[in-house]
């Protein structure tokens, strides 16, 4: 949703990795590093 895109854009600007349980929401953002925190 809109908040996911906002989170993704902030993460991209700051070169952060997004921790999430739903990688599908962030998979459409090119260049974004995302990890499933539930599988760690």
PDB file of N, CA and C in Angstrom:
ATOM      1  N   UNK A   1       0.798  -1.176   0.000  1.00  0.00           N
ATOM      2  CA  UNK A   1       0.000   0.000   0.000  1.00  0.00           C
ATOM      3  C   UNK A   1       0.853   1.257   0.000  1.00  0.00           C
ATOM      4  N   UNK A   2       0.217   2.351   0.238  1.00  0.00           N
ATOM      5  CA  UNK A   2       0.879   3.654   0.242  1.00  0.00           C
ATOM      6  C   UNK A   2       1.957   3.743   1.318  1.00  0.00           C
ATOM      7  N   UNK A   3       1.672   3.214   2.499  1.00  0.00           N
ATOM      8  CA  UNK A   3       2.667   3.269   3.577  1.00  0.00           C
ATOM      9  C   UNK A   3       3.882   2.400   3.252  1.00  0.00           C
ATOM     10  N   UNK A   4       3.665   1.273   2.577  1.00  0.00           N
ATOM     11  CA  UNK A   4       4.793   0.425   2.180  1.00  0.00           C
ATOM     12  C   UNK A   4       5.710   1.173   1.224  1.00  0.00           C
ATOM     13  N   UNK A   5       5.132   1.908   0.290  1.00  0.00           N
ATOM     14  CA  UNK A   5       5.944   2.685  -0.648  1.00  0.00           C
ATOM     15  C   UNK A   5       6.682   3.814   0.060  1.00  0.00           C
ATOM     16  N   UNK A   6       6.056   4.398   1.046  1.00  0.00           N
ATOM     17  CA  UNK A   6       6.717   5.450   1.828  1.00  0.00           C
ATOM     18  C   UNK A   6       7.909   4.872   2.598  1.00  0.00           C
ATOM     19  N   UNK A   7       7.699   3.731   3.227  1.00  0.00           N
ATOM     20  CA  UNK A   7       8.780   3.056   3.951  1.00  0.00           C
ATOM     21  C   UNK A   7       9.906   2.695   2.991  1.00  0.00           C
ATOM     22  N   UNK A   8       9.550   2.157   1.828  1.00  0.00           N
ATOM     23  CA  UNK A   8      10.549   1.756   0.833  1.00  0.00           C
ATOM     24  C   UNK A   8      11.360   2.949   0.349  1.00  0.00           C
ATOM     25  N   UNK A   9      10.699   4.073   0.101  1.00  0.00           N
ATOM     26  CA  UNK A   9      11.423   5.245  -0.404  1.00  0.00           C
ATOM     27  C   UNK A   9      12.396   5.785   0.638  1.00  0.00           C
ATOM     28  N   UNK A  10      11.991   5.791   1.894  1.00  0.00           N
ATOM     29  CA  UNK A  10      12.888   6.239   2.963  1.00  0.00           C
ATOM     30  C   UNK A  10      14.077   5.286   3.080  1.00  0.00           C
ATOM     31  N   UNK A  11      13.814   3.994   3.002  1.00  0.00           N
ATOM     32  CA  UNK A  11      14.887   2.999   3.091  1.00  0.00           C
ATOM     33  C   UNK A  11      15.870   3.147   1.937  1.00  0.00           C
ATOM     34  N   UNK A  12      15.377   3.399   0.736  1.00  0.00           N
ATOM     35  CA  UNK A  12      16.254   3.570  -0.423  1.00  0.00           C
ATOM     36  C   UNK A  12      17.154   4.794  -0.274  1.00  0.00           C
ATOM     37  N   UNK A  13      16.588   5.898   0.162  1.00  0.00           N
ATOM     38  CA  UNK A  13      17.351   7.143   0.309  1.00  0.00           C
ATOM     39  C   UNK A  13      18.481   6.976   1.324  1.00  0.00           C
ATOM     40  N   UNK A  14      18.217   6.228   2.387  1.00  0.00           N
ATOM     41  CA  UNK A  14      19.199   6.073   3.462  1.00  0.00           C
ATOM     42  C   UNK A  14      19.999   4.774   3.361  1.00  0.00           C
ATOM     43  N   UNK A  15      19.773   4.015   2.287  1.00  0.00           N
ATOM     44  CA  UNK A  15      20.470   2.739   2.068  1.00  0.00           C
ATOM     45  C   UNK A  15      20.230   1.762   3.220  1.00  0.00           C
ATOM     46  N   UNK A  16      18.978   1.714   3.694  1.00  0.00           N
ATOM     47  CA  UNK A  16      18.585   0.811   4.773  1.00  0.00           C
ATOM     48  C   UNK A  16      18.063  -0.498   4.204  1.00  0.00           C
ATOM     49  N   UNK A  17      18.024  -1.517   5.038  1.00  0.00           N
ATOM     50  CA  UNK A  17      17.352  -2.772   4.728  1.00  0.00           C
ATOM     51  C   UNK A  17      16.027  -2.779   5.471  1.00  0.00           C
ATOM     52  N   UNK A  18      14.950  -3.083   4.770  1.00  0.00           N
ATOM     53  CA  UNK A  18      13.625  -3.151   5.376  1.00  0.00           C
ATOM     54  C   UNK A  18      13.427  -4.548   5.953  1.00  0.00           C
ATOM     55  N   UNK A  19      13.014  -4.617   7.209  1.00  0.00           N
ATOM     56  CA  UNK A  19      12.664  -5.884   7.839  1.00  0.00           C
ATOM     57  C   UNK A  19      11.148  -5.999   7.847  1.00  0.00           C
ATOM     58  N   UNK A  20      10.633  -7.093   7.301  1.00  0.00           N
ATOM     59  CA  UNK A  20       9.199  -7.253   7.145  1.00  0.00           C
ATOM     60  C   UNK A  20       8.821  -8.718   7.202  1.00  0.00           C
ATOM     61  N   UNK A  21       7.569  -9.003   7.468  1.00  0.00           N
ATOM     62  CA  UNK A  21       7.061 -10.371   7.362  1.00  0.00           C
ATOM     63  C   UNK A  21       6.424 -10.604   6.005  1.00  0.00           C
ATOM     64  N   UNK A  22       6.274  -9.543   5.212  1.00  0.00           N
ATOM     65  CA  UNK A  22       5.606  -9.664   3.923  1.00  0.00           C
ATOM     66  C   UNK A  22       6.504  -9.107   2.818  1.00  0.00           C
ATOM     67  N   UNK A  23       7.386  -9.933   2.301  1.00  0.00           N
ATOM     68  CA  UNK A  23       8.317  -9.497   1.257  1.00  0.00           C
ATOM     69  C   UNK A  23       7.611  -9.142  -0.043  1.00  0.00           C
ATOM     70  N   UNK A  24       6.439  -9.707  -0.279  1.00  0.00           N
ATOM     71  CA  UNK A  24       5.706  -9.453  -1.527  1.00  0.00           C
ATOM     72  C   UNK A  24       5.414  -7.965  -1.692  1.00  0.00           C
ATOM     73  N   UNK A  25       5.075  -7.293  -0.605  1.00  0.00           N
ATOM     74  CA  UNK A  25       4.747  -5.864  -0.679  1.00  0.00           C
ATOM     75  C   UNK A  25       5.937  -5.023  -1.128  1.00  0.00           C
ATOM     76  N   UNK A  26       7.146  -5.462  -0.820  1.00  0.00           N
ATOM     77  CA  UNK A  26       8.333  -4.681  -1.127  1.00  0.00           C
ATOM     78  C   UNK A  26       9.085  -5.187  -2.351  1.00  0.00           C
ATOM     79  N   UNK A  27       8.717  -6.345  -2.876  1.00  0.00           N
ATOM     80  CA  UNK A  27       9.417  -6.950  -4.016  1.00  0.00           C
ATOM     81  C   UNK A  27       9.303  -6.103  -5.283  1.00  0.00           C
ATOM     82  N   UNK A  28       8.280  -5.286  -5.383  1.00  0.00           N
ATOM     83  CA  UNK A  28       8.084  -4.479  -6.599  1.00  0.00           C
ATOM     84  C   UNK A  28       8.930  -3.210  -6.631  1.00  0.00           C
ATOM     85  N   UNK A  29       9.690  -2.956  -5.582  1.00  0.00           N
ATOM     86  CA  UNK A  29      10.518  -1.750  -5.513  1.00  0.00           C
ATOM     87  C   UNK A  29      11.944  -2.109  -5.933  1.00  0.00           C
ATOM     88  N   UNK A  30      12.367  -1.657  -7.117  1.00  0.00           N
ATOM     89  CA  UNK A  30      13.712  -1.995  -7.601  1.00  0.00           C
ATOM     90  C   UNK A  30      14.810  -1.423  -6.704  1.00  0.00           C
ATOM     91  N   UNK A  31      15.807  -2.243  -6.424  1.00  0.00           N
ATOM     92  CA  UNK A  31      16.954  -1.783  -5.659  1.00  0.00           C
ATOM     93  C   UNK A  31      16.779  -1.808  -4.153  1.00  0.00           C
ATOM     94  N   UNK A  32      15.596  -2.167  -3.680  1.00  0.00           N
ATOM     95  CA  UNK A  32      15.336  -2.166  -2.241  1.00  0.00           C
ATOM     96  C   UNK A  32      15.826  -3.466  -1.611  1.00  0.00           C
ATOM     97  N   UNK A  33      16.577  -3.348  -0.530  1.00  0.00           N
ATOM     98  CA  UNK A  33      16.987  -4.522   0.242  1.00  0.00           C
ATOM     99  C   UNK A  33      15.916  -4.791   1.293  1.00  0.00           C
ATOM    100  N   UNK A  34      15.375  -6.003   1.279  1.00  0.00           N
ATOM    101  CA  UNK A  34      14.339  -6.371   2.243  1.00  0.00           C
ATOM    102  C   UNK A  34      14.592  -7.787   2.735  1.00  0.00           C
ATOM    103  N   UNK A  35      14.350  -8.002   4.016  1.00  0.00           N
ATOM    104  CA  UNK A  35      14.524  -9.313   4.633  1.00  0.00           C
ATOM    105  C   UNK A  35      13.289  -9.659   5.442  1.00  0.00           C
ATOM    106  N   UNK A  36      12.971 -10.947   5.459  1.00  0.00           N
ATOM    107  CA  UNK A  36      11.859 -11.447   6.265  1.00  0.00           C
ATOM    108  C   UNK A  36      12.384 -11.708   7.672  1.00  0.00           C
ATOM    109  N   UNK A  37      12.025 -10.871   8.615  1.00  0.00           N
ATOM    110  CA  UNK A  37      12.536 -10.985   9.981  1.00  0.00           C
ATOM    111  C   UNK A  37      12.016 -12.232  10.674  1.00  0.00           C
ATOM    112  N   UNK A  38      10.899 -12.782  10.223  1.00  0.00           N
ATOM    113  CA  UNK A  38      10.315 -13.961  10.855  1.00  0.00           C
ATOM    114  C   UNK A  38      11.100 -15.231  10.530  1.00  0.00           C
ATOM    115  N   UNK A  39      11.898 -15.208   9.461  1.00  0.00           N
ATOM    116  CA  UNK A  39      12.659 -16.393   9.055  1.00  0.00           C
ATOM    117  C   UNK A  39      14.100 -16.362   9.538  1.00  0.00           C
ATOM    118  N   UNK A  40      14.483 -15.333  10.248  1.00  0.00           N
ATOM    119  CA  UNK A  40      15.878 -15.209  10.706  1.00  0.00           C
ATOM    120  C   UNK A  40      16.172 -16.154  11.843  1.00  0.00           C
TER     121      UNK A  40
END
